[in-house]
Protein backbone atom coordinates (compact mmCIF):
# COMPACT_ATOMS: atom_id res chain seq x y z
CA MET A 1 48.13 75.78 243.63
CA TYR A 2 49.91 73.62 246.21
CA LEU A 3 49.95 72.11 249.56
CA ASN A 4 52.23 74.30 250.35
CA THR A 5 50.25 77.38 249.46
CA ILE A 6 47.51 76.67 251.18
CA GLN A 7 46.74 78.65 254.27
CA SER A 8 43.68 78.83 256.39
CA ALA A 9 41.36 81.70 256.79
CA TYR A 10 42.27 84.75 258.81
CA GLY A 11 40.71 84.81 262.21
CA SER A 12 39.58 80.83 262.25
CA ARG A 13 43.39 80.37 263.89
CA LYS A 14 43.88 82.10 267.45
CA PRO A 15 46.88 81.98 268.58
CA SER A 16 47.94 79.66 270.96
CA LYS A 17 47.83 81.55 274.38
CA ARG A 18 51.60 82.44 275.73
CA VAL A 19 51.47 81.99 279.92
CA GLY A 20 54.11 82.01 282.03
CA ARG A 21 55.74 85.09 281.13
CA GLY A 22 55.28 87.20 284.04
CA ILE A 23 53.27 89.62 286.17
CA GLY A 24 52.13 92.30 283.24
CA SER A 25 51.03 89.55 280.42
CA THR A 26 47.68 88.73 282.97
CA LEU A 27 48.98 85.18 281.92
CA GLY A 28 52.00 85.14 284.38
CA LYS A 29 52.39 82.90 288.16
CA THR A 30 49.30 80.45 287.81
CA CYS A 31 48.77 81.41 283.85
CA GLY A 32 45.28 81.58 284.07
CA ARG A 33 44.27 78.57 286.76
CA GLY A 34 43.92 80.07 290.12
CA HIS A 35 45.23 79.15 292.97
CA LYS A 36 45.07 75.54 294.26
CA GLY A 37 42.57 72.78 293.33
CA GLN A 38 42.05 70.14 290.59
CA LYS A 39 42.32 72.20 287.76
CA SER A 40 44.40 74.38 288.41
CA ARG A 41 47.41 70.88 288.66
CA SER A 42 48.83 69.51 285.48
CA GLY A 43 46.84 66.31 284.61
CA GLY A 44 44.23 67.28 287.09
CA PHE A 45 40.23 65.90 284.91
CA HIS A 46 37.83 64.05 285.06
CA LYS A 47 35.17 61.77 284.42
CA VAL A 48 32.54 63.72 281.60
CA GLY A 49 29.33 63.98 283.44
CA PHE A 50 31.77 63.37 286.77
CA GLU A 51 29.43 65.80 289.67
CA GLY A 52 32.25 64.97 292.75
CA GLY A 53 31.05 61.75 293.16
CA GLN A 54 27.17 63.63 293.56
CA MET A 55 24.79 60.83 291.29
CA PRO A 56 25.01 62.61 287.47
CA LEU A 57 22.76 63.60 285.72
CA GLN A 58 23.07 61.11 283.33
CA ARG A 59 22.56 58.76 286.45
CA ARG A 60 19.61 60.49 288.01
CA LEU A 61 16.60 61.13 285.51
CA PRO A 62 15.03 58.05 284.18
CA LYS A 63 15.39 55.63 280.59
CA VAL A 64 12.92 56.82 278.04
CA GLY A 65 12.75 55.31 274.81
CA PHE A 66 13.13 51.53 273.56
CA SER A 67 15.14 50.46 269.81
CA SER A 68 13.95 47.44 268.38
CA ARG A 69 16.59 45.46 267.54
CA VAL A 70 13.89 43.53 264.80
CA LYS A 71 13.00 46.95 263.60
CA LYS A 72 16.47 46.77 261.91
CA TYR A 73 15.42 42.79 259.55
CA THR A 74 12.11 44.71 258.75
CA SER A 75 11.18 46.75 255.49
CA GLU A 76 7.69 47.41 253.60
CA ILE A 77 6.21 47.63 250.08
CA THR A 78 3.57 49.68 249.14
CA LEU A 79 1.44 48.47 246.58
CA TYR A 80 2.36 50.81 243.94
CA GLU A 81 6.09 49.48 244.27
CA ILE A 82 4.84 45.55 243.15
CA SER A 83 2.70 46.85 240.56
CA SER A 84 5.26 48.83 238.96
CA LEU A 85 7.85 44.98 239.31
CA GLY A 86 5.64 43.99 236.39
CA LEU A 87 6.24 40.47 238.45
CA GLU A 88 2.99 37.43 238.95
CA ILE A 89 5.40 35.79 241.72
CA VAL A 90 5.90 38.60 244.18
CA ASP A 91 8.29 36.84 246.99
CA LEU A 92 11.34 38.26 249.73
CA ASP A 93 13.95 37.11 247.11
CA SER A 94 12.55 38.91 244.43
CA LEU A 95 12.12 42.05 246.10
CA LYS A 96 16.11 42.12 247.69
CA SER A 97 16.72 41.17 243.35
CA ALA A 98 15.07 44.73 242.41
CA ASN A 99 16.23 46.63 244.98
CA LEU A 100 13.36 47.63 247.19
CA VAL A 101 14.57 46.07 250.06
CA PRO A 102 18.01 45.86 251.07
CA ALA A 103 19.57 42.40 251.64
CA PHE A 104 19.86 42.01 255.18
CA VAL A 105 16.09 42.08 255.47
CA LYS A 106 14.00 39.79 256.51
CA ASN A 107 10.53 40.26 257.13
CA VAL A 108 8.81 42.52 254.52
CA LYS A 109 4.91 43.56 255.05
CA VAL A 110 2.69 45.07 252.18
CA ILE A 111 1.03 48.02 252.88
CA GLN A 112 -1.80 49.75 251.38
CA SER A 113 -0.74 52.73 249.34
CA GLY A 114 -1.28 53.71 245.16
CA GLU A 115 -2.63 50.82 243.59
CA ILE A 116 -2.23 47.88 241.87
CA GLY A 117 -4.20 46.61 238.25
CA SER A 118 -2.52 43.28 237.71
CA SER A 119 -3.27 40.34 239.41
CA VAL A 120 0.01 39.41 241.64
CA THR A 121 0.44 36.12 243.49
CA ILE A 122 2.40 37.66 247.17
CA ARG A 123 4.26 34.66 248.58
CA GLY A 124 5.78 34.28 252.59
CA LEU A 125 4.85 38.17 252.86
CA LYS A 126 3.34 39.57 255.76
CA VAL A 127 0.19 41.22 253.99
CA THR A 128 -1.83 44.03 255.63
CA SER A 129 -5.85 43.43 255.17
CA GLY A 130 -6.97 46.75 252.90
CA ALA A 131 -3.68 45.34 251.31
CA LYS A 132 -4.37 42.16 251.23
CA SER A 133 -8.49 43.50 249.57
CA SER A 134 -6.86 45.32 246.68
CA ILE A 135 -4.43 42.60 245.66
CA GLU A 136 -8.10 40.13 245.44
CA ALA A 137 -10.29 42.30 244.20
CA ALA A 138 -7.57 42.53 241.54
CA GLY A 139 -7.63 39.27 240.49
CA GLY A 140 -4.69 38.51 242.84
CA LYS A 141 -4.03 35.74 245.70
CA VAL A 142 -2.36 36.22 249.16
CA GLU A 143 -0.49 33.36 249.85
CA VAL A 144 1.15 32.80 253.66
């Protein structure tokens, strides 16, 4: 196969309209644009969403929702993932080096999902109350 032999599938590319070729072509004189008005002129266009001076729909409707800027820098980790690490002390740097959280994350919260068997020290991470009780029941501790 060569680049000069590649062809698009049949029917995927329509031939362009040949306008201004006489009355019999149905695209003569006004070339399918109708009579007068902004859209009939060459270069006649308006902004997307412009409604002729009427308040546009995207400005009439109320704003909805909220996108947190903090959310990008936070992450969560489960007890199961901590137990699979096999470390005694778990902190933000150890989670980043194990690729369990992205490198740009600043806050990590430990949630109770799964079980933890070994004693682990959680240092500098936020911990839910359920996860904290599971860690302490396994003989570990949480340092804030």
